[in-house]
């Protein structure tokens, strides 16, 4: 489930929802967000290490074309 959809779960906004279930759901969402944040930090470190800028379609195609335009010498 995508996080955007998960955080809009109706149970979160339901005043009559079981507090334990809501707490468990929020705990799972927080855990997943922490994992995604950690993964994003890892990717940012990779980008810094390999000197890759953040993704943009134009930059990606430029890099692709420049890679393919180099003649292969065997």
C-alpha atoms as a PDB file:
ATOM      1  CA  UNK A   1       0.000   0.000   0.000  1.00  0.00           C
ATOM      2  CA  UNK A   2       1.316   3.435  -0.873  1.00  0.00           C
ATOM      3  CA  UNK A   3       2.025   5.671   2.099  1.00  0.00           C
ATOM      4  CA  UNK A   4      -0.133   8.454   0.707  1.00  0.00           C
ATOM      5  CA  UNK A   5      -3.131   6.147   0.768  1.00  0.00           C
ATOM      6  CA  UNK A   6      -2.167   4.503   4.063  1.00  0.00           C
ATOM      7  CA  UNK A   7      -2.073   7.751   6.026  1.00  0.00           C
ATOM      8  CA  UNK A   8      -5.587   8.539   4.814  1.00  0.00           C
ATOM      9  CA  UNK A   9      -7.006   5.399   6.382  1.00  0.00           C
ATOM     10  CA  UNK A  10     -10.539   6.189   7.623  1.00  0.00           C
ATOM     11  CA  UNK A  11      -9.835   4.608  11.002  1.00  0.00           C
ATOM     12  CA  UNK A  12      -7.315   7.361  11.810  1.00  0.00           C
ATOM     13  CA  UNK A  13      -9.995  10.058  11.586  1.00  0.00           C
ATOM     14  CA  UNK A  14     -12.811   8.033  13.159  1.00  0.00           C
ATOM     15  CA  UNK A  15     -13.463   9.322  16.680  1.00  0.00           C
ATOM     16  CA  UNK A  16     -15.194   6.042  17.529  1.00  0.00           C
ATOM     17  CA  UNK A  17     -12.335   3.810  16.385  1.00  0.00           C
ATOM     18  CA  UNK A  18     -10.629   1.516  18.862  1.00  0.00           C
ATOM     19  CA  UNK A  19      -7.640   3.483  20.238  1.00  0.00           C
ATOM     20  CA  UNK A  20      -5.472   0.358  20.406  1.00  0.00           C
ATOM     21  CA  UNK A  21      -6.080  -0.436  16.740  1.00  0.00           C
ATOM     22  CA  UNK A  22      -5.427   3.167  15.730  1.00  0.00           C
ATOM     23  CA  UNK A  23      -2.245   3.202  17.805  1.00  0.00           C
ATOM     24  CA  UNK A  24      -1.096  -0.052  16.203  1.00  0.00           C
ATOM     25  CA  UNK A  25      -1.811   1.332  12.740  1.00  0.00           C
ATOM     26  CA  UNK A  26       0.047   4.558  13.485  1.00  0.00           C
ATOM     27  CA  UNK A  27       2.950   2.575  14.895  1.00  0.00           C
ATOM     28  CA  UNK A  28       3.178   0.498  11.698  1.00  0.00           C
ATOM     29  CA  UNK A  29       2.973   3.641   9.577  1.00  0.00           C
ATOM     30  CA  UNK A  30       5.706   5.314  11.636  1.00  0.00           C
ATOM     31  CA  UNK A  31       7.918   2.254  11.302  1.00  0.00           C
ATOM     32  CA  UNK A  32       7.397   2.190   7.548  1.00  0.00           C
ATOM     33  CA  UNK A  33       8.092   5.931   7.280  1.00  0.00           C
ATOM     34  CA  UNK A  34      11.311   5.465   9.259  1.00  0.00           C
ATOM     35  CA  UNK A  35      12.370   2.722   6.829  1.00  0.00           C
ATOM     36  CA  UNK A  36      11.566   4.886   3.820  1.00  0.00           C
ATOM     37  CA  UNK A  37      13.464   7.803   5.347  1.00  0.00           C
ATOM     38  CA  UNK A  38      16.482   5.580   5.948  1.00  0.00           C
ATOM     39  CA  UNK A  39      16.321   4.283   2.373  1.00  0.00           C
ATOM     40  CA  UNK A  40      16.104   7.829   1.016  1.00  0.00           C
ATOM     41  CA  UNK A  41      19.171   8.814   3.051  1.00  0.00           C
ATOM     42  CA  UNK A  42      21.042   5.828   1.623  1.00  0.00           C
ATOM     43  CA  UNK A  43      20.124   6.857  -1.922  1.00  0.00           C
ATOM     44  CA  UNK A  44      21.197  10.440  -1.250  1.00  0.00           C
ATOM     45  CA  UNK A  45      24.546   9.162  -0.009  1.00  0.00           C
ATOM     46  CA  UNK A  46      24.907   7.087  -3.184  1.00  0.00           C
ATOM     47  CA  UNK A  47      24.151  10.174  -5.259  1.00  0.00           C
ATOM     48  CA  UNK A  48      26.761  12.155  -3.371  1.00  0.00           C
ATOM     49  CA  UNK A  49      29.353   9.354  -3.577  1.00  0.00           C
ATOM     50  CA  UNK A  50      28.865   8.812  -7.299  1.00  0.00           C
ATOM     51  CA  UNK A  51      28.275  12.503  -7.980  1.00  0.00           C
ATOM     52  CA  UNK A  52      24.853  11.936  -9.451  1.00  0.00           C
ATOM     53  CA  UNK A  53      22.358  14.751  -9.298  1.00  0.00           C
ATOM     54  CA  UNK A  54      18.773  14.145  -8.307  1.00  0.00           C
ATOM     55  CA  UNK A  55      16.661  12.549 -10.986  1.00  0.00           C
ATOM     56  CA  UNK A  56      15.283  14.612 -13.770  1.00  0.00           C
ATOM     57  CA  UNK A  57      14.141  13.089 -17.056  1.00  0.00           C
ATOM     58  CA  UNK A  58      16.198  15.550 -19.092  1.00  0.00           C
ATOM     59  CA  UNK A  59      19.398  14.757 -17.158  1.00  0.00           C
ATOM     60  CA  UNK A  60      18.720  11.021 -17.381  1.00  0.00           C
ATOM     61  CA  UNK A  61      18.282  11.125 -21.152  1.00  0.00           C
ATOM     62  CA  UNK A  62      21.333  13.340 -21.509  1.00  0.00           C
ATOM     63  CA  UNK A  63      23.432  10.835 -19.555  1.00  0.00           C
ATOM     64  CA  UNK A  64      21.959   7.977 -21.575  1.00  0.00           C
ATOM     65  CA  UNK A  65      22.735   9.605 -24.915  1.00  0.00           C
ATOM     66  CA  UNK A  66      26.235  10.618 -23.877  1.00  0.00           C
ATOM     67  CA  UNK A  67      26.912   7.033 -22.766  1.00  0.00           C
ATOM     68  CA  UNK A  68      25.687   5.597 -26.045  1.00  0.00           C
ATOM     69  CA  UNK A  69      27.471   8.161 -28.157  1.00  0.00           C
ATOM     70  CA  UNK A  70      30.906   7.026 -27.015  1.00  0.00           C
ATOM     71  CA  UNK A  71      32.464   4.776 -29.668  1.00  0.00           C
ATOM     72  CA  UNK A  72      33.247   1.277 -28.491  1.00  0.00           C
ATOM     73  CA  UNK A  73      36.881   0.353 -29.080  1.00  0.00           C
ATOM     74  CA  UNK A  74      37.711  -3.316 -28.851  1.00  0.00           C
END
